[in-house]
């Protein structure tokens, strides 16, 4: 079973999908961030990034992933955000 979440930004609807059985953990090791995921989790993250990269997605559109909201228990929060400004 996959999970779909729809988000509307500036009138544009984007659907974020979690693959069945996905596991994603984000750890802060001080000098680096580690994102550890199983195959389903990696596909989920890739899908989220592709969704944000779609034509018509406005600058600043973002997705918050947090412990027990897309990430494993003990994970630090992760924000995926589109930024077209240089």
C-alpha atoms as a PDB file:
ATOM      1  CA  UNK A   1       0.000   0.000   0.000  1.00  0.00           C
ATOM      2  CA  UNK A   2       1.355   3.426  -0.898  1.00  0.00           C
ATOM      3  CA  UNK A   3       0.496   6.671   0.852  1.00  0.00           C
ATOM      4  CA  UNK A   4      -0.338   9.826  -1.110  1.00  0.00           C
ATOM      5  CA  UNK A   5      -0.329  13.358   0.290  1.00  0.00           C
ATOM      6  CA  UNK A   6      -1.590  16.288  -1.777  1.00  0.00           C
ATOM      7  CA  UNK A   7      -0.199  19.773  -1.213  1.00  0.00           C
ATOM      8  CA  UNK A   8      -1.472  22.966  -2.819  1.00  0.00           C
ATOM      9  CA  UNK A   9       0.945  25.873  -3.338  1.00  0.00           C
ATOM     10  CA  UNK A  10      -0.136  28.976  -5.265  1.00  0.00           C
ATOM     11  CA  UNK A  11      -3.106  27.038  -6.633  1.00  0.00           C
ATOM     12  CA  UNK A  12      -0.913  24.182  -7.930  1.00  0.00           C
ATOM     13  CA  UNK A  13      -1.614  20.718  -6.497  1.00  0.00           C
ATOM     14  CA  UNK A  14       1.329  18.359  -6.059  1.00  0.00           C
ATOM     15  CA  UNK A  15       1.009  14.755  -4.869  1.00  0.00           C
ATOM     16  CA  UNK A  16       3.784  13.278  -2.719  1.00  0.00           C
ATOM     17  CA  UNK A  17       3.842   9.470  -2.552  1.00  0.00           C
ATOM     18  CA  UNK A  18       5.405   7.141   0.002  1.00  0.00           C
ATOM     19  CA  UNK A  19       6.298   3.684  -1.304  1.00  0.00           C
ATOM     20  CA  UNK A  20       5.017   0.743   0.719  1.00  0.00           C
ATOM     21  CA  UNK A  21       7.526  -0.307   3.369  1.00  0.00           C
ATOM     22  CA  UNK A  22       9.662   2.808   2.993  1.00  0.00           C
ATOM     23  CA  UNK A  23      12.074   3.539   5.820  1.00  0.00           C
ATOM     24  CA  UNK A  24      13.979   6.819   5.969  1.00  0.00           C
ATOM     25  CA  UNK A  25      16.205   7.963   8.816  1.00  0.00           C
ATOM     26  CA  UNK A  26      18.039  11.294   8.988  1.00  0.00           C
ATOM     27  CA  UNK A  27      20.921  11.748  11.445  1.00  0.00           C
ATOM     28  CA  UNK A  28      22.993  14.812  12.255  1.00  0.00           C
ATOM     29  CA  UNK A  29      26.566  13.720  12.964  1.00  0.00           C
ATOM     30  CA  UNK A  30      27.797  17.236  13.655  1.00  0.00           C
ATOM     31  CA  UNK A  31      29.816  17.892  10.526  1.00  0.00           C
ATOM     32  CA  UNK A  32      27.561  15.959   8.161  1.00  0.00           C
ATOM     33  CA  UNK A  33      23.992  14.814   7.673  1.00  0.00           C
ATOM     34  CA  UNK A  34      23.333  11.143   6.935  1.00  0.00           C
ATOM     35  CA  UNK A  35      20.179  10.061   5.131  1.00  0.00           C
ATOM     36  CA  UNK A  36      19.790   6.302   5.481  1.00  0.00           C
ATOM     37  CA  UNK A  37      16.967   4.560   3.653  1.00  0.00           C
ATOM     38  CA  UNK A  38      15.932   1.204   2.298  1.00  0.00           C
ATOM     39  CA  UNK A  39      15.149   0.849  -1.435  1.00  0.00           C
ATOM     40  CA  UNK A  40      11.524   1.905  -0.948  1.00  0.00           C
ATOM     41  CA  UNK A  41      12.667   4.910   1.096  1.00  0.00           C
ATOM     42  CA  UNK A  42      15.140   5.971  -1.594  1.00  0.00           C
ATOM     43  CA  UNK A  43      12.400   5.715  -4.235  1.00  0.00           C
ATOM     44  CA  UNK A  44      10.148   7.793  -1.985  1.00  0.00           C
ATOM     45  CA  UNK A  45      12.772  10.536  -1.579  1.00  0.00           C
ATOM     46  CA  UNK A  46      13.507  10.507  -5.328  1.00  0.00           C
ATOM     47  CA  UNK A  47       9.790  10.878  -6.020  1.00  0.00           C
ATOM     48  CA  UNK A  48       9.498  13.808  -3.606  1.00  0.00           C
ATOM     49  CA  UNK A  49      12.404  15.579  -5.323  1.00  0.00           C
ATOM     50  CA  UNK A  50      10.939  14.927  -8.774  1.00  0.00           C
ATOM     51  CA  UNK A  51       7.583  16.275  -7.611  1.00  0.00           C
ATOM     52  CA  UNK A  52       9.228  19.505  -6.433  1.00  0.00           C
ATOM     53  CA  UNK A  53      11.133  19.725  -9.742  1.00  0.00           C
ATOM     54  CA  UNK A  54       7.978  19.578 -11.900  1.00  0.00           C
ATOM     55  CA  UNK A  55       7.283  22.475 -14.249  1.00  0.00           C
ATOM     56  CA  UNK A  56       4.899  24.932 -12.666  1.00  0.00           C
ATOM     57  CA  UNK A  57       5.986  24.193  -9.110  1.00  0.00           C
ATOM     58  CA  UNK A  58       6.528  27.612  -7.535  1.00  0.00           C
ATOM     59  CA  UNK A  59       9.731  28.803  -5.940  1.00  0.00           C
ATOM     60  CA  UNK A  60       9.596  28.115  -2.197  1.00  0.00           C
ATOM     61  CA  UNK A  61       7.382  25.017  -2.466  1.00  0.00           C
ATOM     62  CA  UNK A  62       8.567  22.594   0.180  1.00  0.00           C
ATOM     63  CA  UNK A  63       7.871  19.426   2.112  1.00  0.00           C
ATOM     64  CA  UNK A  64       8.628  18.882   5.808  1.00  0.00           C
ATOM     65  CA  UNK A  65       9.640  15.384   6.872  1.00  0.00           C
ATOM     66  CA  UNK A  66       9.859  14.739  10.595  1.00  0.00           C
ATOM     67  CA  UNK A  67      10.068  11.907  13.077  1.00  0.00           C
ATOM     68  CA  UNK A  68       6.895   9.808  12.740  1.00  0.00           C
ATOM     69  CA  UNK A  69       5.830  11.991   9.772  1.00  0.00           C
ATOM     70  CA  UNK A  70       7.738  10.276   6.992  1.00  0.00           C
ATOM     71  CA  UNK A  71      10.938   9.623   8.959  1.00  0.00           C
ATOM     72  CA  UNK A  72      11.951   6.955  11.445  1.00  0.00           C
ATOM     73  CA  UNK A  73      11.868   7.553  15.189  1.00  0.00           C
ATOM     74  CA  UNK A  74      14.956   9.443  16.376  1.00  0.00           C
ATOM     75  CA  UNK A  75      15.431  11.248  13.056  1.00  0.00           C
ATOM     76  CA  UNK A  76      16.161  14.951  12.804  1.00  0.00           C
ATOM     77  CA  UNK A  77      13.774  16.965  10.647  1.00  0.00           C
ATOM     78  CA  UNK A  78      14.386  17.338   6.926  1.00  0.00           C
ATOM     79  CA  UNK A  79      12.935  20.009   4.641  1.00  0.00           C
ATOM     80  CA  UNK A  80      12.980  19.546   0.875  1.00  0.00           C
ATOM     81  CA  UNK A  81      12.505  22.950  -0.756  1.00  0.00           C
ATOM     82  CA  UNK A  82      12.540  24.268  -4.293  1.00  0.00           C
ATOM     83  CA  UNK A  83      14.608  27.427  -4.725  1.00  0.00           C
ATOM     84  CA  UNK A  84      15.056  28.816  -8.227  1.00  0.00           C
ATOM     85  CA  UNK A  85      16.801  32.011  -7.049  1.00  0.00           C
ATOM     86  CA  UNK A  86      20.559  32.070  -7.300  1.00  0.00           C
END
